[in-house]
Amino acid sequence: MSIYSFVCLKCGNKEEHIRHMKDANKRCMCICGAKMNRDLQADIPFASGDYHNGAVHSDSLAINPDQREEHLKTFPNIELDAKNRPVFDNFQNHQAYLDKCNIVKERKKVRPKGKIIA
């Protein structure tokens, strides 16, 4: 079950409902009596991969503590946090790291922001 956001186009009321994924787009009634629509922009989680919000700590690229010394020799400009995750402060460093490690990252599909399902 997940939390889904809804907005009323008539009065602007916003509500969150816990639902099964199969019922995510099922409309609900507002307190004003109008039907509410899904607010997809409100449902988009804050991404940990936003470089403008600070450094990105990559869980998927975390290394074994035994490899820490080797990592620091190979990538002196990429620091590791306490959990041995590489920390990236911009896209270019992140992509260069992936390229040097021969890792191909599949791009995720981005939903358009602010779109309401009627």
N, C-alpha and C. Protein backbone atom coordinates (compact mmCIF):
# COMPACT_ATOMS: atom_id res chain seq x y z
N MET A 1 0.85 -1.17 0.00
CA MET A 1 0.00 0.00 0.00
C MET A 1 0.90 1.24 0.00
N SER A 2 0.42 2.27 -0.68
CA SER A 2 1.18 3.52 -0.79
C SER A 2 0.28 4.71 -0.50
N ILE A 3 0.92 5.84 -0.31
CA ILE A 3 0.20 7.08 -0.08
C ILE A 3 0.11 7.83 -1.41
N TYR A 4 -1.09 8.25 -1.76
CA TYR A 4 -1.33 8.99 -3.01
C TYR A 4 -1.98 10.32 -2.68
N SER A 5 -1.56 11.35 -3.41
CA SER A 5 -2.08 12.70 -3.19
C SER A 5 -3.19 13.00 -4.19
N PHE A 6 -4.20 13.72 -3.70
CA PHE A 6 -5.34 14.12 -4.53
C PHE A 6 -5.60 15.61 -4.33
N VAL A 7 -6.13 16.23 -5.38
CA VAL A 7 -6.46 17.65 -5.32
C VAL A 7 -7.84 17.86 -5.94
N CYS A 8 -8.59 18.78 -5.34
CA CYS A 8 -9.91 19.13 -5.87
C CYS A 8 -9.75 20.33 -6.78
N LEU A 9 -10.20 20.19 -8.02
CA LEU A 9 -10.09 21.29 -8.97
C LEU A 9 -11.11 22.38 -8.69
N LYS A 10 -12.13 22.07 -7.92
CA LYS A 10 -13.18 23.05 -7.62
C LYS A 10 -12.77 23.98 -6.48
N CYS A 11 -12.35 23.39 -5.34
CA CYS A 11 -12.03 24.23 -4.17
C CYS A 11 -10.54 24.26 -3.82
N GLY A 12 -9.72 23.41 -4.47
CA GLY A 12 -8.29 23.40 -4.21
C GLY A 12 -7.86 22.57 -3.00
N ASN A 13 -8.80 21.89 -2.37
CA ASN A 13 -8.49 21.05 -1.22
C ASN A 13 -7.52 19.94 -1.62
N LYS A 14 -6.53 19.65 -0.74
CA LYS A 14 -5.57 18.58 -1.01
C LYS A 14 -5.66 17.55 0.10
N GLU A 15 -5.63 16.28 -0.31
CA GLU A 15 -5.70 15.17 0.66
C GLU A 15 -4.77 14.07 0.23
N GLU A 16 -4.36 13.24 1.20
CA GLU A 16 -3.57 12.06 0.92
C GLU A 16 -4.37 10.84 1.35
N HIS A 17 -4.32 9.77 0.54
CA HIS A 17 -5.05 8.55 0.83
C HIS A 17 -4.10 7.36 0.70
N ILE A 18 -4.24 6.39 1.60
CA ILE A 18 -3.48 5.16 1.53
C ILE A 18 -4.30 4.16 0.73
N ARG A 19 -3.66 3.63 -0.35
CA ARG A 19 -4.38 2.72 -1.25
C ARG A 19 -3.45 1.66 -1.81
N HIS A 20 -4.08 0.61 -2.34
CA HIS A 20 -3.33 -0.37 -3.11
C HIS A 20 -2.97 0.27 -4.44
N MET A 21 -1.90 -0.20 -5.07
CA MET A 21 -1.48 0.35 -6.35
C MET A 21 -2.57 0.23 -7.41
N LYS A 22 -3.32 -0.85 -7.37
CA LYS A 22 -4.36 -1.04 -8.38
C LYS A 22 -5.46 0.02 -8.27
N ASP A 23 -5.62 0.62 -7.10
CA ASP A 23 -6.64 1.66 -6.88
C ASP A 23 -6.06 3.07 -6.86
N ALA A 24 -4.81 3.23 -7.28
CA ALA A 24 -4.13 4.52 -7.17
C ALA A 24 -4.86 5.65 -7.89
N ASN A 25 -5.42 5.38 -9.04
CA ASN A 25 -6.06 6.43 -9.83
C ASN A 25 -7.57 6.53 -9.62
N LYS A 26 -8.08 5.71 -8.72
CA LYS A 26 -9.51 5.75 -8.43
C LYS A 26 -9.85 7.08 -7.75
N ARG A 27 -10.81 7.78 -8.28
CA ARG A 27 -11.15 9.10 -7.76
C ARG A 27 -11.84 9.01 -6.40
N CYS A 28 -11.73 10.09 -5.64
CA CYS A 28 -12.41 10.17 -4.34
C CYS A 28 -13.19 11.49 -4.29
N MET A 29 -14.04 11.60 -3.31
CA MET A 29 -14.89 12.79 -3.19
C MET A 29 -14.27 13.79 -2.22
N CYS A 30 -14.35 15.04 -2.59
CA CYS A 30 -13.89 16.14 -1.74
C CYS A 30 -14.99 16.51 -0.75
N ILE A 31 -14.63 17.24 0.29
CA ILE A 31 -15.63 17.68 1.26
C ILE A 31 -16.63 18.67 0.66
N CYS A 32 -16.24 19.29 -0.48
CA CYS A 32 -17.16 20.23 -1.14
C CYS A 32 -18.14 19.50 -2.05
N GLY A 33 -17.94 18.17 -2.22
CA GLY A 33 -18.85 17.38 -3.05
C GLY A 33 -18.33 17.09 -4.44
N ALA A 34 -17.25 17.74 -4.86
CA ALA A 34 -16.68 17.49 -6.19
C ALA A 34 -15.74 16.29 -6.13
N LYS A 35 -15.48 15.71 -7.30
CA LYS A 35 -14.54 14.60 -7.37
C LYS A 35 -13.11 15.14 -7.38
N MET A 36 -12.24 14.44 -6.67
CA MET A 36 -10.83 14.83 -6.60
C MET A 36 -10.02 14.03 -7.61
N ASN A 37 -8.96 14.63 -8.13
CA ASN A 37 -8.06 13.99 -9.09
C ASN A 37 -6.70 13.76 -8.44
N ARG A 38 -5.95 12.77 -8.96
CA ARG A 38 -4.59 12.52 -8.49
C ARG A 38 -3.72 13.73 -8.78
N ASP A 39 -2.88 14.08 -7.84
CA ASP A 39 -1.90 15.15 -8.00
C ASP A 39 -0.54 14.48 -8.13
N LEU A 40 -0.12 14.23 -9.38
CA LEU A 40 1.12 13.49 -9.61
C LEU A 40 2.35 14.24 -9.14
N GLN A 41 2.34 15.55 -9.23
CA GLN A 41 3.51 16.31 -8.79
C GLN A 41 3.75 16.12 -7.30
N ALA A 42 2.71 16.06 -6.52
CA ALA A 42 2.85 15.86 -5.09
C ALA A 42 3.33 14.45 -4.77
N ASP A 43 3.07 13.49 -5.66
CA ASP A 43 3.47 12.10 -5.44
C ASP A 43 4.92 11.82 -5.81
N ILE A 44 5.59 12.75 -6.49
CA ILE A 44 6.97 12.53 -6.88
C ILE A 44 7.86 12.71 -5.65
N PRO A 45 8.58 11.66 -5.25
CA PRO A 45 9.43 11.79 -4.07
C PRO A 45 10.63 12.68 -4.36
N PHE A 46 11.18 13.27 -3.31
CA PHE A 46 12.39 14.05 -3.48
C PHE A 46 13.52 13.08 -3.77
N ALA A 47 14.17 13.28 -4.88
CA ALA A 47 15.22 12.36 -5.30
C ALA A 47 16.51 12.62 -4.55
N SER A 48 17.18 11.55 -4.18
CA SER A 48 18.47 11.69 -3.52
C SER A 48 19.55 12.01 -4.55
N GLY A 49 19.21 11.95 -5.81
CA GLY A 49 20.16 12.22 -6.87
C GLY A 49 20.15 13.64 -7.36
N ASP A 50 19.62 14.56 -6.62
CA ASP A 50 19.59 15.96 -7.01
C ASP A 50 20.86 16.64 -6.53
N TYR A 51 21.75 16.96 -7.45
CA TYR A 51 23.02 17.57 -7.08
C TYR A 51 22.83 18.98 -6.52
N HIS A 52 21.78 19.67 -6.94
CA HIS A 52 21.55 21.03 -6.45
C HIS A 52 21.09 21.04 -4.99
N ASN A 53 20.67 19.90 -4.45
CA ASN A 53 20.27 19.81 -3.05
C ASN A 53 21.42 19.35 -2.16
N GLY A 54 22.60 19.21 -2.72
CA GLY A 54 23.75 18.73 -1.95
C GLY A 54 24.37 17.53 -2.62
N ALA A 55 25.33 16.95 -1.95
CA ALA A 55 26.05 15.81 -2.49
C ALA A 55 25.17 14.56 -2.55
N VAL A 56 25.48 13.70 -3.51
CA VAL A 56 24.76 12.44 -3.69
C VAL A 56 25.61 11.32 -3.12
N HIS A 57 25.04 10.56 -2.19
CA HIS A 57 25.70 9.39 -1.61
C HIS A 57 25.08 8.16 -2.29
N SER A 58 25.88 7.44 -3.07
CA SER A 58 25.36 6.35 -3.88
C SER A 58 25.37 5.03 -3.14
N ASP A 59 24.17 4.56 -2.73
CA ASP A 59 24.04 3.26 -2.08
C ASP A 59 24.43 2.13 -3.03
N SER A 60 24.05 2.26 -4.29
CA SER A 60 24.28 1.18 -5.24
C SER A 60 25.76 1.01 -5.60
N LEU A 61 26.58 2.02 -5.33
CA LEU A 61 28.01 1.93 -5.64
C LEU A 61 28.87 1.75 -4.38
N ALA A 62 28.24 1.45 -3.26
CA ALA A 62 28.99 1.26 -2.02
C ALA A 62 30.01 0.12 -2.19
N ILE A 63 31.14 0.27 -1.53
CA ILE A 63 32.20 -0.73 -1.65
C ILE A 63 32.44 -1.44 -0.33
N ASN A 64 33.16 -2.54 -0.40
CA ASN A 64 33.55 -3.28 0.78
C ASN A 64 34.61 -2.46 1.53
N PRO A 65 34.56 -2.42 2.86
CA PRO A 65 35.56 -1.64 3.62
C PRO A 65 37.00 -2.03 3.29
N ASP A 66 37.23 -3.29 2.90
CA ASP A 66 38.58 -3.72 2.53
C ASP A 66 39.08 -3.05 1.25
N GLN A 67 38.19 -2.52 0.45
CA GLN A 67 38.56 -1.88 -0.82
C GLN A 67 38.75 -0.37 -0.69
N ARG A 68 38.58 0.15 0.50
CA ARG A 68 38.64 1.60 0.72
C ARG A 68 39.98 2.21 0.27
N GLU A 69 41.08 1.60 0.66
CA GLU A 69 42.41 2.12 0.32
C GLU A 69 42.62 2.12 -1.20
N GLU A 70 42.23 1.01 -1.85
CA GLU A 70 42.35 0.93 -3.30
C GLU A 70 41.50 2.00 -3.99
N HIS A 71 40.30 2.21 -3.46
CA HIS A 71 39.41 3.23 -4.03
C HIS A 71 40.05 4.62 -3.95
N LEU A 72 40.63 4.94 -2.81
CA LEU A 72 41.23 6.26 -2.63
C LEU A 72 42.42 6.48 -3.55
N LYS A 73 43.13 5.42 -3.90
CA LYS A 73 44.24 5.52 -4.86
C LYS A 73 43.71 5.71 -6.28
N THR A 74 42.68 4.95 -6.62
CA THR A 74 42.12 4.99 -7.97
C THR A 74 41.31 6.26 -8.22
N PHE A 75 40.56 6.69 -7.22
CA PHE A 75 39.68 7.86 -7.35
C PHE A 75 39.98 8.86 -6.24
N PRO A 76 41.10 9.57 -6.32
CA PRO A 76 41.46 10.49 -5.23
C PRO A 76 40.49 11.66 -5.04
N ASN A 77 39.75 12.01 -6.10
CA ASN A 77 38.82 13.14 -5.99
C ASN A 77 37.41 12.73 -5.58
N ILE A 78 37.16 11.42 -5.42
CA ILE A 78 35.83 10.94 -5.00
C ILE A 78 35.94 10.43 -3.57
N GLU A 79 35.36 11.17 -2.64
CA GLU A 79 35.43 10.76 -1.23
C GLU A 79 34.41 9.66 -0.93
N LEU A 80 34.67 8.94 0.13
CA LEU A 80 33.76 7.91 0.62
C LEU A 80 33.20 8.36 1.95
N ASP A 81 31.91 8.10 2.20
CA ASP A 81 31.33 8.44 3.48
C ASP A 81 31.57 7.31 4.48
N ALA A 82 31.02 7.41 5.67
CA ALA A 82 31.23 6.43 6.73
C ALA A 82 30.70 5.04 6.36
N LYS A 83 29.74 4.98 5.43
CA LYS A 83 29.18 3.70 5.00
C LYS A 83 29.84 3.18 3.72
N ASN A 84 30.99 3.76 3.38
CA ASN A 84 31.75 3.37 2.18
C ASN A 84 30.99 3.59 0.88
N ARG A 85 30.18 4.63 0.86
CA ARG A 85 29.47 5.00 -0.36
C ARG A 85 30.21 6.17 -1.01
N PRO A 86 30.43 6.12 -2.33
CA PRO A 86 31.05 7.28 -2.99
C PRO A 86 30.11 8.48 -2.92
N VAL A 87 30.72 9.65 -2.76
CA VAL A 87 29.96 10.90 -2.65
C VAL A 87 30.26 11.75 -3.89
N PHE A 88 29.21 12.12 -4.60
CA PHE A 88 29.35 12.91 -5.83
C PHE A 88 28.69 14.27 -5.63
N ASP A 89 29.41 15.32 -6.05
CA ASP A 89 28.84 16.66 -5.92
C ASP A 89 28.39 17.24 -7.25
N ASN A 90 28.62 16.49 -8.35
CA ASN A 90 28.12 16.94 -9.65
C ASN A 90 28.00 15.75 -10.60
N PHE A 91 27.24 15.95 -11.65
CA PHE A 91 26.96 14.89 -12.60
C PHE A 91 28.22 14.42 -13.33
N GLN A 92 29.11 15.36 -13.67
CA GLN A 92 30.30 15.00 -14.43
C GLN A 92 31.18 14.02 -13.65
N ASN A 93 31.39 14.27 -12.35
CA ASN A 93 32.19 13.34 -11.54
C ASN A 93 31.50 11.98 -11.43
N HIS A 94 30.20 12.00 -11.26
CA HIS A 94 29.44 10.76 -11.14
C HIS A 94 29.57 9.95 -12.43
N GLN A 95 29.37 10.58 -13.58
CA GLN A 95 29.45 9.89 -14.86
C GLN A 95 30.86 9.40 -15.14
N ALA A 96 31.89 10.21 -14.80
CA ALA A 96 33.28 9.79 -15.00
C ALA A 96 33.60 8.56 -14.17
N TYR A 97 33.08 8.51 -12.95
CA TYR A 97 33.27 7.35 -12.07
C TYR A 97 32.65 6.11 -12.69
N LEU A 98 31.42 6.24 -13.18
CA LEU A 98 30.73 5.11 -13.81
C LEU A 98 31.49 4.64 -15.05
N ASP A 99 31.96 5.58 -15.86
CA ASP A 99 32.69 5.23 -17.08
C ASP A 99 33.99 4.49 -16.76
N LYS A 100 34.73 4.98 -15.77
CA LYS A 100 36.00 4.36 -15.41
C LYS A 100 35.79 2.95 -14.83
N CYS A 101 34.65 2.73 -14.18
CA CYS A 101 34.33 1.41 -13.61
C CYS A 101 33.61 0.51 -14.61
N ASN A 102 33.40 1.01 -15.83
CA ASN A 102 32.66 0.27 -16.87
C ASN A 102 31.24 -0.10 -16.42
N ILE A 103 30.57 0.84 -15.78
CA ILE A 103 29.20 0.63 -15.34
C ILE A 103 28.28 1.43 -16.25
N VAL A 104 27.29 0.76 -16.81
CA VAL A 104 26.31 1.44 -17.65
C VAL A 104 25.05 1.60 -16.83
N LYS A 105 24.65 2.83 -16.63
CA LYS A 105 23.48 3.13 -15.82
C LYS A 105 22.28 3.35 -16.73
N GLU A 106 21.23 2.58 -16.52
CA GLU A 106 20.02 2.78 -17.30
C GLU A 106 19.29 4.00 -16.76
N ARG A 107 18.91 4.87 -17.63
CA ARG A 107 18.21 6.09 -17.23
C ARG A 107 16.78 5.75 -16.86
N LYS A 108 16.32 6.31 -15.76
CA LYS A 108 14.94 6.06 -15.36
C LYS A 108 14.01 7.00 -16.10
N LYS A 109 12.81 6.53 -16.33
CA LYS A 109 11.81 7.35 -17.02
C LYS A 109 11.26 8.36 -16.03
N VAL A 110 11.18 9.60 -16.46
CA VAL A 110 10.70 10.67 -15.60
C VAL A 110 9.28 11.03 -15.98
N ARG A 111 8.41 11.06 -14.98
CA ARG A 111 7.03 11.46 -15.24
C ARG A 111 6.97 12.99 -15.37
N PRO A 112 6.12 13.48 -16.23
CA PRO A 112 5.98 14.94 -16.33
C PRO A 112 5.43 15.51 -15.05
N LYS A 113 5.96 16.66 -14.65
CA LYS A 113 5.54 17.28 -13.41
C LYS A 113 4.23 18.03 -13.58
N GLY A 114 3.42 18.02 -12.54
CA GLY A 114 2.21 18.82 -12.51
C GLY A 114 1.04 18.27 -13.30
N LYS A 115 1.18 17.07 -13.81
CA LYS A 115 0.09 16.50 -14.60
C LYS A 115 -0.93 15.84 -13.68
N ILE A 116 -2.19 16.11 -13.93
CA ILE A 116 -3.27 15.55 -13.11
C ILE A 116 -4.05 14.55 -13.95
N ILE A 117 -4.26 13.37 -13.38
CA ILE A 117 -5.05 12.35 -14.08
C ILE A 117 -6.52 12.61 -13.81
N ALA A 118 -7.29 12.76 -14.86
CA ALA A 118 -8.71 13.04 -14.69
C ALA A 118 -9.52 11.77 -14.64
